[in-house]
N, C-alpha and C. Protein backbone atom coordinates (compact mmCIF):
# COMPACT_ATOMS: atom_id res chain seq x y z
N MET A 1 29.63 5.58 -44.26
CA MET A 1 29.18 7.01 -44.56
C MET A 1 29.15 7.75 -43.37
N ILE A 2 29.42 8.93 -43.42
CA ILE A 2 29.55 9.98 -42.43
C ILE A 2 28.19 10.74 -42.36
N ARG A 3 27.17 10.36 -41.39
CA ARG A 3 25.90 10.80 -41.30
C ARG A 3 25.85 12.14 -40.61
N ASN A 4 26.69 12.60 -39.73
CA ASN A 4 26.51 13.77 -39.02
C ASN A 4 27.95 14.63 -39.10
N PRO A 5 28.19 15.28 -40.14
CA PRO A 5 29.56 15.91 -40.30
C PRO A 5 29.47 17.17 -39.26
N GLY A 6 28.25 17.45 -38.95
CA GLY A 6 28.33 18.75 -37.80
C GLY A 6 28.94 18.23 -36.37
N GLY A 7 28.92 16.94 -36.24
CA GLY A 7 29.62 16.40 -35.01
C GLY A 7 31.14 16.95 -35.02
N ALA A 8 31.76 17.08 -36.14
CA ALA A 8 33.08 17.60 -36.11
C ALA A 8 33.29 18.92 -35.37
N LEU A 9 32.35 19.79 -35.48
CA LEU A 9 32.25 21.15 -34.81
C LEU A 9 32.24 20.92 -33.40
N ALA A 10 31.21 20.12 -33.08
CA ALA A 10 31.04 19.82 -31.52
C ALA A 10 32.32 19.18 -30.82
N TRP A 11 32.84 18.26 -31.47
CA TRP A 11 34.22 17.56 -31.10
C TRP A 11 35.24 18.54 -30.97
N TRP A 12 35.49 19.48 -31.87
CA TRP A 12 36.49 20.48 -31.84
C TRP A 12 36.24 21.40 -30.66
N ALA A 13 34.91 21.79 -30.67
CA ALA A 13 34.63 22.74 -29.37
C ALA A 13 34.80 22.15 -28.04
N ALA A 14 34.51 20.83 -27.94
CA ALA A 14 34.83 20.16 -26.55
C ALA A 14 36.18 19.95 -26.37
N LEU A 15 37.10 19.95 -27.39
CA LEU A 15 38.45 19.81 -27.05
C LEU A 15 39.17 21.06 -26.89
N THR A 16 38.65 22.09 -27.37
CA THR A 16 39.32 23.51 -27.33
C THR A 16 39.02 24.18 -26.11
N PRO A 17 39.95 24.49 -25.25
CA PRO A 17 39.71 25.19 -24.15
C PRO A 17 38.96 26.46 -24.15
N ASP A 18 38.07 26.85 -23.33
CA ASP A 18 37.31 28.17 -23.49
C ASP A 18 37.09 28.68 -22.15
N PRO A 19 38.13 29.31 -21.49
CA PRO A 19 38.04 29.85 -20.21
C PRO A 19 36.69 30.79 -19.80
N ALA A 20 36.33 31.60 -20.92
CA ALA A 20 35.14 32.33 -20.70
C ALA A 20 33.82 31.52 -20.56
N ALA A 21 33.95 30.29 -21.15
CA ALA A 21 32.65 29.42 -21.13
C ALA A 21 32.95 28.29 -19.78
N GLY A 22 34.20 28.47 -19.21
CA GLY A 22 34.33 27.49 -18.03
C GLY A 22 34.66 26.10 -18.64
N ARG A 23 35.20 26.05 -19.95
CA ARG A 23 35.43 24.71 -20.45
C ARG A 23 36.85 24.47 -20.57
N LYS A 24 37.40 23.41 -19.85
CA LYS A 24 38.74 23.20 -19.91
C LYS A 24 39.39 22.68 -21.20
N GLY A 25 38.53 21.93 -21.91
CA GLY A 25 38.94 21.20 -23.17
C GLY A 25 39.91 20.12 -22.89
N ASP A 26 40.59 19.80 -23.89
CA ASP A 26 41.48 18.49 -23.82
C ASP A 26 42.83 19.08 -24.41
N ARG A 27 43.74 19.88 -23.87
CA ARG A 27 44.91 20.35 -24.54
C ARG A 27 45.96 19.29 -24.99
N ALA A 28 45.99 18.21 -24.08
CA ALA A 28 46.79 17.26 -24.53
C ALA A 28 46.28 16.31 -25.75
N ALA A 29 45.13 16.13 -25.90
CA ALA A 29 44.54 15.36 -27.12
C ALA A 29 44.93 16.27 -28.47
N LEU A 30 44.59 17.51 -28.30
CA LEU A 30 45.03 18.40 -29.41
C LEU A 30 46.61 18.45 -29.66
N ALA A 31 47.22 18.46 -28.66
CA ALA A 31 48.76 18.28 -28.88
C ALA A 31 49.18 17.12 -29.47
N ARG A 32 48.65 16.08 -28.97
CA ARG A 32 48.99 14.69 -29.80
C ARG A 32 48.52 14.59 -31.27
N LEU A 33 47.41 15.30 -31.45
CA LEU A 33 47.24 15.20 -32.89
C LEU A 33 47.81 16.24 -33.81
N ARG A 34 48.22 17.39 -33.17
CA ARG A 34 49.19 18.25 -33.86
C ARG A 34 50.42 17.67 -34.14
N ARG A 35 51.02 16.79 -33.35
CA ARG A 35 52.16 16.15 -33.57
C ARG A 35 52.08 14.97 -34.54
N CYS A 36 51.02 14.58 -34.83
CA CYS A 36 50.86 13.31 -35.72
C CYS A 36 51.51 13.91 -37.16
N ALA A 37 52.55 13.08 -37.59
CA ALA A 37 53.18 13.37 -38.91
C ALA A 37 52.38 12.87 -40.03
N THR A 38 51.40 11.84 -39.84
CA THR A 38 50.63 11.17 -40.89
C THR A 38 49.21 11.03 -40.37
N VAL A 39 48.41 10.81 -41.40
CA VAL A 39 47.02 10.65 -41.16
C VAL A 39 46.96 9.15 -40.37
N GLU A 40 47.82 8.15 -40.80
CA GLU A 40 47.79 6.85 -39.97
C GLU A 40 48.20 6.91 -38.58
N GLU A 41 49.01 8.02 -38.06
CA GLU A 41 49.25 8.27 -36.70
C GLU A 41 48.03 8.85 -35.96
N ALA A 42 47.28 9.70 -36.70
CA ALA A 42 46.15 10.29 -36.20
C ALA A 42 45.06 9.34 -35.96
N MET A 43 44.95 8.21 -36.72
CA MET A 43 43.97 7.28 -36.77
C MET A 43 44.00 6.62 -35.36
N ILE A 44 45.01 6.33 -34.68
CA ILE A 44 45.22 5.54 -33.50
C ILE A 44 45.04 6.39 -32.36
N GLU A 45 44.71 7.73 -32.35
CA GLU A 45 44.34 8.44 -31.33
C GLU A 45 43.03 8.35 -30.71
N PRO A 46 42.82 8.19 -29.41
CA PRO A 46 41.40 8.14 -28.94
C PRO A 46 40.61 9.28 -29.36
N ALA A 47 41.03 10.65 -29.50
CA ALA A 47 40.31 11.68 -29.95
C ALA A 47 39.70 11.35 -31.18
N THR A 48 40.49 10.76 -32.09
CA THR A 48 39.97 10.50 -33.52
C THR A 48 38.91 9.54 -33.42
N ILE A 49 38.98 8.62 -32.69
CA ILE A 49 37.93 7.51 -32.41
C ILE A 49 36.63 8.29 -31.82
N ASP A 50 36.82 9.15 -30.96
CA ASP A 50 35.60 9.95 -30.61
C ASP A 50 34.93 10.84 -31.76
N LEU A 51 35.89 11.48 -32.42
CA LEU A 51 35.39 12.01 -33.78
C LEU A 51 34.56 11.22 -34.67
N TYR A 52 35.25 10.13 -34.84
CA TYR A 52 34.49 9.03 -35.76
C TYR A 52 33.13 8.78 -35.06
N ARG A 53 32.98 8.66 -34.05
CA ARG A 53 31.62 8.29 -33.38
C ARG A 53 30.71 9.62 -33.40
N ARG A 54 31.26 10.77 -33.08
CA ARG A 54 30.41 11.93 -33.18
C ARG A 54 29.88 12.20 -34.52
N CYS A 55 30.65 11.90 -35.43
CA CYS A 55 30.30 12.15 -36.93
C CYS A 55 29.25 11.10 -37.34
N GLY A 56 28.97 10.07 -36.62
CA GLY A 56 27.94 8.96 -37.07
C GLY A 56 28.51 8.27 -38.16
N ALA A 57 29.88 7.99 -38.24
CA ALA A 57 30.55 7.25 -39.31
C ALA A 57 30.17 5.80 -39.16
N ASP A 58 29.85 4.95 -40.28
CA ASP A 58 29.39 3.60 -39.86
C ASP A 58 30.32 2.92 -40.84
N ASP A 59 31.33 3.25 -41.66
CA ASP A 59 32.17 2.47 -42.46
C ASP A 59 33.54 2.68 -42.08
N PRO A 60 34.28 1.53 -41.72
CA PRO A 60 35.72 1.62 -41.34
C PRO A 60 36.37 2.41 -42.32
N ALA A 61 36.11 2.50 -43.43
CA ALA A 61 36.90 3.30 -44.52
C ALA A 61 36.84 4.79 -44.24
N ASP A 62 35.84 5.18 -43.57
CA ASP A 62 35.72 6.60 -43.15
C ASP A 62 36.77 7.12 -42.35
N LEU A 63 37.40 6.09 -41.51
CA LEU A 63 38.34 6.44 -40.52
C LEU A 63 39.46 7.33 -41.04
N VAL A 64 39.74 7.12 -42.37
CA VAL A 64 40.90 7.77 -42.98
C VAL A 64 40.45 9.49 -43.08
N ALA A 65 39.24 9.70 -43.58
CA ALA A 65 38.76 11.00 -43.69
C ALA A 65 38.62 11.52 -42.20
N VAL A 66 38.17 10.79 -41.22
CA VAL A 66 38.04 11.59 -39.90
C VAL A 66 39.37 11.68 -39.38
N ALA A 67 40.30 10.79 -39.51
CA ALA A 67 41.69 11.07 -38.99
C ALA A 67 42.20 12.39 -39.74
N LEU A 68 42.00 12.59 -40.94
CA LEU A 68 42.40 13.82 -41.69
C LEU A 68 41.81 15.15 -40.80
N ALA A 69 40.55 14.98 -40.81
CA ALA A 69 39.68 16.05 -40.01
C ALA A 69 40.28 16.34 -38.72
N ALA A 70 40.64 15.17 -37.88
CA ALA A 70 41.06 15.42 -36.49
C ALA A 70 42.42 16.06 -36.57
N ALA A 71 43.24 15.72 -37.47
CA ALA A 71 44.78 16.11 -37.36
C ALA A 71 44.78 17.59 -37.88
N VAL A 72 43.97 17.98 -38.81
CA VAL A 72 43.90 19.32 -39.28
C VAL A 72 43.22 20.24 -38.09
N LEU A 73 41.85 19.83 -37.79
CA LEU A 73 41.19 20.65 -36.87
C LEU A 73 41.85 20.82 -35.61
N ALA A 74 42.93 20.00 -35.23
CA ALA A 74 43.62 20.31 -34.06
C ALA A 74 44.52 21.54 -34.03
N HIS A 75 44.76 22.13 -35.51
CA HIS A 75 45.49 23.18 -35.50
C HIS A 75 44.51 24.48 -35.65
N LEU A 76 43.31 24.33 -35.51
CA LEU A 76 42.29 25.49 -35.64
C LEU A 76 42.30 25.95 -34.24
N ARG A 77 42.70 27.37 -34.15
CA ARG A 77 42.68 28.15 -32.88
C ARG A 77 41.33 28.62 -32.72
N ALA A 78 40.50 29.18 -33.59
CA ALA A 78 39.29 29.83 -33.48
C ALA A 78 38.43 29.72 -34.68
N ASP A 79 37.21 29.65 -34.44
CA ASP A 79 36.12 29.52 -35.42
C ASP A 79 35.79 31.13 -35.89
N ALA A 80 36.27 31.41 -37.06
CA ALA A 80 36.14 32.75 -37.52
C ALA A 80 34.64 33.02 -37.96
N GLY A 81 34.01 31.97 -38.25
CA GLY A 81 32.60 32.01 -38.92
C GLY A 81 32.70 32.72 -40.20
N GLY A 82 31.50 33.38 -40.60
CA GLY A 82 31.62 34.17 -41.85
C GLY A 82 31.62 33.60 -43.12
N PRO A 83 32.38 33.97 -44.07
CA PRO A 83 32.38 33.37 -45.42
C PRO A 83 33.04 31.96 -45.46
N PRO A 84 32.77 31.17 -46.59
CA PRO A 84 33.57 29.84 -46.61
C PRO A 84 35.07 30.09 -46.53
N VAL A 85 35.82 29.05 -46.14
CA VAL A 85 37.37 29.08 -45.86
C VAL A 85 38.04 29.56 -47.11
N ALA A 86 37.46 28.96 -48.34
CA ALA A 86 38.23 29.46 -49.65
C ALA A 86 38.15 30.88 -49.76
N ARG A 87 37.00 31.38 -49.65
CA ARG A 87 36.52 32.99 -49.86
C ARG A 87 37.43 33.58 -48.90
N GLN A 88 37.63 33.25 -47.64
CA GLN A 88 38.30 33.93 -46.61
C GLN A 88 39.95 34.03 -46.95
N LEU A 89 40.41 33.02 -47.66
CA LEU A 89 41.77 33.09 -48.11
C LEU A 89 42.04 33.49 -49.54
N GLY A 90 41.00 33.45 -50.33
CA GLY A 90 41.08 33.83 -51.90
C GLY A 90 41.48 35.25 -51.99
N PRO A 91 41.67 35.65 -53.21
CA PRO A 91 42.07 37.05 -53.72
C PRO A 91 40.83 38.00 -53.63
N ASP A 92 41.06 39.24 -53.43
CA ASP A 92 39.98 40.30 -53.33
C ASP A 92 39.12 40.14 -54.50
N GLN A 93 39.86 40.14 -55.58
CA GLN A 93 39.13 40.11 -57.12
C GLN A 93 39.93 39.03 -57.87
N PRO A 94 39.32 38.36 -58.71
CA PRO A 94 39.94 37.37 -59.62
C PRO A 94 41.27 37.99 -60.30
N ASP A 95 41.28 39.27 -60.69
CA ASP A 95 42.35 39.87 -61.50
C ASP A 95 43.32 40.25 -60.48
N LYS A 96 43.25 40.01 -59.40
CA LYS A 96 44.38 40.57 -58.24
C LYS A 96 44.84 39.26 -57.45
N PRO A 97 45.22 38.23 -58.17
CA PRO A 97 45.65 37.04 -57.27
C PRO A 97 46.78 37.12 -56.28
N GLU A 98 47.61 38.38 -56.35
CA GLU A 98 48.64 38.60 -55.19
C GLU A 98 47.90 38.97 -53.90
N THR A 99 46.72 39.43 -53.88
CA THR A 99 46.04 39.91 -52.61
C THR A 99 45.41 38.51 -51.83
N ALA A 100 45.54 37.31 -52.43
CA ALA A 100 45.12 36.19 -51.80
C ALA A 100 46.14 35.87 -50.56
N ILE A 101 45.56 35.56 -49.35
CA ILE A 101 46.31 34.84 -48.30
C ILE A 101 47.04 33.57 -48.65
N LEU A 102 46.18 32.62 -49.40
CA LEU A 102 46.62 31.41 -49.90
C LEU A 102 46.87 31.54 -51.28
N LYS A 103 48.01 31.71 -51.85
CA LYS A 103 48.18 32.05 -53.22
C LYS A 103 47.88 31.04 -53.99
N PRO A 104 47.55 31.47 -55.33
CA PRO A 104 46.90 30.37 -56.33
C PRO A 104 47.66 29.06 -56.43
N LEU A 105 49.01 29.06 -56.53
CA LEU A 105 49.67 27.91 -56.64
C LEU A 105 49.52 26.97 -55.49
N ARG A 106 49.47 27.46 -54.23
CA ARG A 106 49.17 26.70 -53.05
C ARG A 106 47.75 26.13 -53.06
N PHE A 107 46.87 26.93 -53.63
CA PHE A 107 45.52 26.60 -53.71
C PHE A 107 45.25 25.59 -54.81
N ARG A 108 45.99 25.62 -55.82
CA ARG A 108 45.92 24.48 -56.76
C ARG A 108 46.56 23.20 -56.28
N ARG A 109 47.56 23.36 -55.50
CA ARG A 109 48.11 22.07 -54.87
C ARG A 109 47.12 21.47 -53.91
N LEU A 110 46.55 22.26 -53.23
CA LEU A 110 45.43 21.80 -52.39
C LEU A 110 44.29 21.01 -53.10
N LEU A 111 43.95 21.61 -54.15
CA LEU A 111 42.76 21.05 -55.00
C LEU A 111 43.34 19.70 -55.53
N GLU A 112 44.49 19.56 -55.96
CA GLU A 112 45.04 18.41 -56.43
C GLU A 112 45.35 17.33 -55.54
N ALA A 113 45.30 17.53 -54.17
CA ALA A 113 45.33 16.57 -53.21
C ALA A 113 44.22 15.70 -53.20
N THR A 114 44.49 14.42 -53.58
CA THR A 114 43.50 13.27 -53.66
C THR A 114 43.45 12.35 -52.61
N THR A 115 44.53 12.33 -51.83
CA THR A 115 44.51 11.41 -50.57
C THR A 115 44.63 12.20 -49.49
N ALA A 116 44.30 11.56 -48.37
CA ALA A 116 44.40 12.22 -47.05
C ALA A 116 45.86 12.62 -46.74
N GLU A 117 46.69 11.85 -47.07
CA GLU A 117 48.26 11.97 -46.87
C GLU A 117 48.70 13.25 -47.43
N GLU A 118 48.16 13.47 -48.67
CA GLU A 118 48.60 14.82 -49.63
C GLU A 118 47.72 15.98 -49.07
N GLY A 119 46.62 15.76 -48.53
CA GLY A 119 45.70 16.69 -47.95
C GLY A 119 46.24 17.34 -46.54
N LEU A 120 46.93 16.36 -45.79
CA LEU A 120 47.23 16.85 -44.54
C LEU A 120 48.07 18.13 -44.48
N PRO A 121 49.33 17.98 -45.06
CA PRO A 121 50.32 19.17 -45.08
C PRO A 121 49.58 20.47 -45.67
N ALA A 122 48.88 20.11 -46.85
CA ALA A 122 48.18 21.32 -47.56
C ALA A 122 47.13 22.01 -46.58
N PHE A 123 46.35 21.26 -46.01
CA PHE A 123 45.35 21.91 -45.03
C PHE A 123 46.14 22.68 -43.63
N ARG A 124 47.14 21.89 -43.41
CA ARG A 124 47.78 22.43 -42.09
C ARG A 124 48.38 23.71 -42.54
N ARG A 125 48.97 23.91 -43.60
CA ARG A 125 49.53 25.17 -44.22
C ARG A 125 48.45 26.08 -44.46
N LEU A 126 47.24 25.71 -44.69
CA LEU A 126 46.11 26.68 -45.06
C LEU A 126 45.92 27.39 -43.81
N LEU A 127 45.80 26.42 -42.63
CA LEU A 127 45.46 26.93 -41.43
C LEU A 127 46.56 27.87 -40.83
N ALA A 128 47.91 27.56 -41.03
CA ALA A 128 48.85 28.48 -40.54
C ALA A 128 48.92 29.84 -41.33
N LEU A 129 48.67 29.85 -42.67
CA LEU A 129 48.47 31.10 -43.20
C LEU A 129 47.18 31.99 -42.68
N ALA A 130 46.33 31.25 -42.28
CA ALA A 130 45.03 31.95 -41.84
C ALA A 130 45.08 32.19 -40.26
N ASP A 131 46.44 32.04 -39.57
CA ASP A 131 46.61 32.14 -38.33
C ASP A 131 45.60 31.40 -37.46
N GLY A 132 45.43 30.20 -38.03
CA GLY A 132 44.44 29.20 -37.28
C GLY A 132 43.07 29.62 -37.14
N LYS A 133 42.49 30.58 -37.88
CA LYS A 133 41.23 31.19 -37.74
C LYS A 133 40.45 31.18 -39.05
N VAL A 134 39.54 30.16 -39.14
CA VAL A 134 38.76 30.02 -40.39
C VAL A 134 37.34 29.53 -39.93
N ASN A 135 36.54 29.71 -40.92
CA ASN A 135 35.10 29.06 -40.71
C ASN A 135 35.15 27.65 -40.39
N ALA A 136 34.91 27.26 -39.32
CA ALA A 136 35.25 25.85 -38.65
C ALA A 136 34.16 24.82 -39.22
N THR A 137 33.03 25.28 -39.50
CA THR A 137 31.98 24.32 -40.05
C THR A 137 32.35 23.96 -41.48
N ASP A 138 32.64 24.94 -42.22
CA ASP A 138 33.10 24.73 -43.72
C ASP A 138 34.27 23.95 -43.74
N LEU A 139 35.52 24.36 -42.80
CA LEU A 139 36.63 23.44 -42.99
C LEU A 139 36.31 21.94 -42.69
N ALA A 140 35.43 21.64 -41.51
CA ALA A 140 35.08 20.38 -41.08
C ALA A 140 34.53 19.55 -42.31
N ARG A 141 33.47 20.18 -42.75
CA ARG A 141 32.74 19.59 -43.70
C ARG A 141 33.67 19.09 -45.04
N ALA A 142 34.52 19.95 -45.35
CA ALA A 142 35.18 19.87 -46.51
C ALA A 142 36.40 18.78 -46.11
N LEU A 143 36.93 18.77 -45.12
CA LEU A 143 37.93 17.78 -44.65
C LEU A 143 37.21 16.45 -44.74
N LEU A 144 35.91 16.24 -44.29
CA LEU A 144 35.31 15.00 -44.12
C LEU A 144 34.93 14.39 -45.74
N ASP A 145 34.89 15.27 -46.53
CA ASP A 145 34.53 14.95 -47.79
C ASP A 145 35.69 15.11 -49.02
N TRP A 146 36.71 15.57 -48.65
CA TRP A 146 37.78 15.93 -49.61
C TRP A 146 38.33 14.80 -50.27
N THR A 147 38.40 13.39 -49.58
CA THR A 147 38.90 12.34 -50.12
C THR A 147 37.91 11.47 -50.55
N ASN A 148 36.50 11.74 -50.52
CA ASN A 148 35.46 10.83 -50.81
C ASN A 148 35.26 10.85 -52.46
N PRO A 149 35.28 9.64 -52.93
CA PRO A 149 35.14 9.53 -54.47
C PRO A 149 33.78 9.99 -54.91
N HIS A 150 32.82 10.16 -54.04
CA HIS A 150 31.44 10.61 -54.33
C HIS A 150 31.29 11.97 -54.29
N ARG A 151 31.89 12.67 -53.31
CA ARG A 151 31.57 14.05 -53.00
C ARG A 151 32.82 14.96 -53.17
N ALA A 152 34.04 14.44 -53.47
CA ALA A 152 35.21 15.32 -53.48
C ALA A 152 35.09 16.36 -54.69
N ALA A 153 34.74 15.94 -55.80
CA ALA A 153 34.64 16.87 -56.92
C ALA A 153 33.68 17.98 -56.64
N GLU A 154 32.75 17.83 -56.02
CA GLU A 154 31.63 18.88 -55.69
C GLU A 154 32.20 19.75 -54.63
N VAL A 155 32.95 19.37 -53.64
CA VAL A 155 33.51 20.11 -52.72
C VAL A 155 34.56 21.06 -53.37
N LYS A 156 35.60 20.50 -54.15
CA LYS A 156 36.53 21.18 -54.77
C LYS A 156 36.02 22.32 -55.77
N ARG A 157 34.89 22.15 -56.51
CA ARG A 157 34.18 23.03 -57.23
C ARG A 157 33.65 24.04 -56.57
N ARG A 158 32.94 23.87 -55.39
CA ARG A 158 32.57 24.91 -54.52
C ARG A 158 33.69 25.70 -53.92
N TRP A 159 34.80 25.06 -53.59
CA TRP A 159 36.00 25.87 -53.10
C TRP A 159 36.55 26.72 -54.17
N THR A 160 36.47 26.27 -55.36
CA THR A 160 37.07 27.11 -56.46
C THR A 160 36.28 28.23 -56.71
N PHE A 161 35.03 28.23 -56.81
CA PHE A 161 34.09 29.22 -56.93
C PHE A 161 34.42 30.23 -55.85
N ALA A 162 34.36 29.85 -54.63
CA ALA A 162 34.51 30.64 -53.44
C ALA A 162 35.90 31.31 -53.47
N TYR A 163 36.93 30.56 -53.66
CA TYR A 163 38.14 31.21 -53.67
C TYR A 163 38.42 32.45 -54.50
N TRP A 164 37.78 32.26 -55.79
CA TRP A 164 37.89 33.25 -56.93
C TRP A 164 36.76 34.23 -56.84
N ASN A 165 35.86 34.22 -55.69
CA ASN A 165 34.70 34.95 -55.59
C ASN A 165 33.94 35.01 -56.83
N ALA A 166 33.56 33.81 -57.45
CA ALA A 166 32.83 33.67 -58.70
C ALA A 166 31.56 33.09 -58.31
N ASP A 167 30.56 33.57 -58.96
CA ASP A 167 29.28 33.00 -58.92
C ASP A 167 29.02 31.70 -59.86
N PRO A 168 28.88 30.71 -59.34
CA PRO A 168 28.78 29.47 -60.29
C PRO A 168 27.55 29.50 -61.11
N ALA A 169 26.47 30.14 -60.97
CA ALA A 169 25.43 30.40 -61.84
C ALA A 169 25.64 31.46 -62.75
N PRO A 170 25.38 31.33 -64.04
CA PRO A 170 25.33 32.52 -64.89
C PRO A 170 24.33 33.45 -64.63
N ASN A 171 24.69 34.63 -64.80
CA ASN A 171 23.85 35.72 -64.55
C ASN A 171 22.67 35.70 -65.65
N ALA A 172 21.41 35.65 -65.11
CA ALA A 172 20.23 35.53 -65.86
C ALA A 172 19.98 36.74 -66.81
N ASP A 173 20.57 37.90 -66.53
CA ASP A 173 20.34 39.05 -67.51
C ASP A 173 21.13 39.17 -68.51
N SER A 174 22.46 38.37 -68.33
CA SER A 174 23.44 38.48 -69.54
C SER A 174 23.08 37.30 -70.47
N SER A 175 23.24 37.56 -71.72
CA SER A 175 23.09 36.48 -72.85
C SER A 175 24.35 36.11 -73.35
N PRO A 176 24.66 34.98 -73.89
CA PRO A 176 25.83 34.50 -74.24
C PRO A 176 26.38 35.31 -75.54
N ASN A 177 25.42 35.67 -76.51
CA ASN A 177 25.75 36.30 -77.58
C ASN A 177 24.65 37.41 -77.83
N THR A 178 25.09 38.68 -77.61
CA THR A 178 24.14 39.71 -77.85
C THR A 178 24.11 40.23 -79.25
N ASP A 179 25.12 39.87 -80.13
CA ASP A 179 25.23 40.25 -81.47
C ASP A 179 24.22 39.60 -82.40
N ALA A 180 23.80 38.39 -82.09
CA ALA A 180 22.76 37.66 -82.88
C ALA A 180 21.56 38.31 -82.95
N PRO A 181 20.98 38.50 -84.26
CA PRO A 181 19.66 39.13 -84.35
C PRO A 181 18.55 38.15 -83.60
N LYS A 182 17.57 38.84 -83.08
CA LYS A 182 16.58 38.17 -82.38
C LYS A 182 15.78 37.18 -83.20
N GLY A 183 15.52 36.19 -82.70
CA GLY A 183 14.95 35.03 -83.62
C GLY A 183 15.87 34.05 -84.19
N HIS A 184 17.17 34.41 -84.04
CA HIS A 184 18.20 33.50 -84.69
C HIS A 184 19.18 32.84 -83.61
N ALA A 185 19.40 31.71 -83.67
CA ALA A 185 20.40 30.98 -82.89
C ALA A 185 21.69 31.61 -83.05
N ALA A 186 22.37 31.66 -81.98
CA ALA A 186 23.77 32.21 -82.08
C ALA A 186 24.57 30.96 -82.47
């Protein structure tokens, strides 16, 4: 179980050079992770093991999700903050899918990724389309849960609603059938 997903953001910040803050980072570790062609290659990187520890992971099976996060976060250039990643890359309006940075077909492929190996190229492409600038906290949490059998479905639902800029809760003011007379079930 990953007890501290927020550790991923601290890990990324420690590796990323920030001259304004006087932080050198570790460009070599980021470069090695960017060159990893598979999640398994990322697993053997010392920086991935550091991420595993910072996230408070306590199950060896968590190393796969942590390696996916490490290999993808190495491509993150800046924390854009703001809205969730899927909202940043989704269409302006649901009826205008052509305005999305991450087109609906690519988004569908991302949602269909069930293994870390399937997710690696999809998330890297997502970052490339976003010029390496997305909400780092949201991305890190999603990466750590994306392949988890207990949390993946909820993460993907959240991303779907955010991508399409849809409210998952029905509007309390609208009723499902306004044509039915009062006192009668629709």
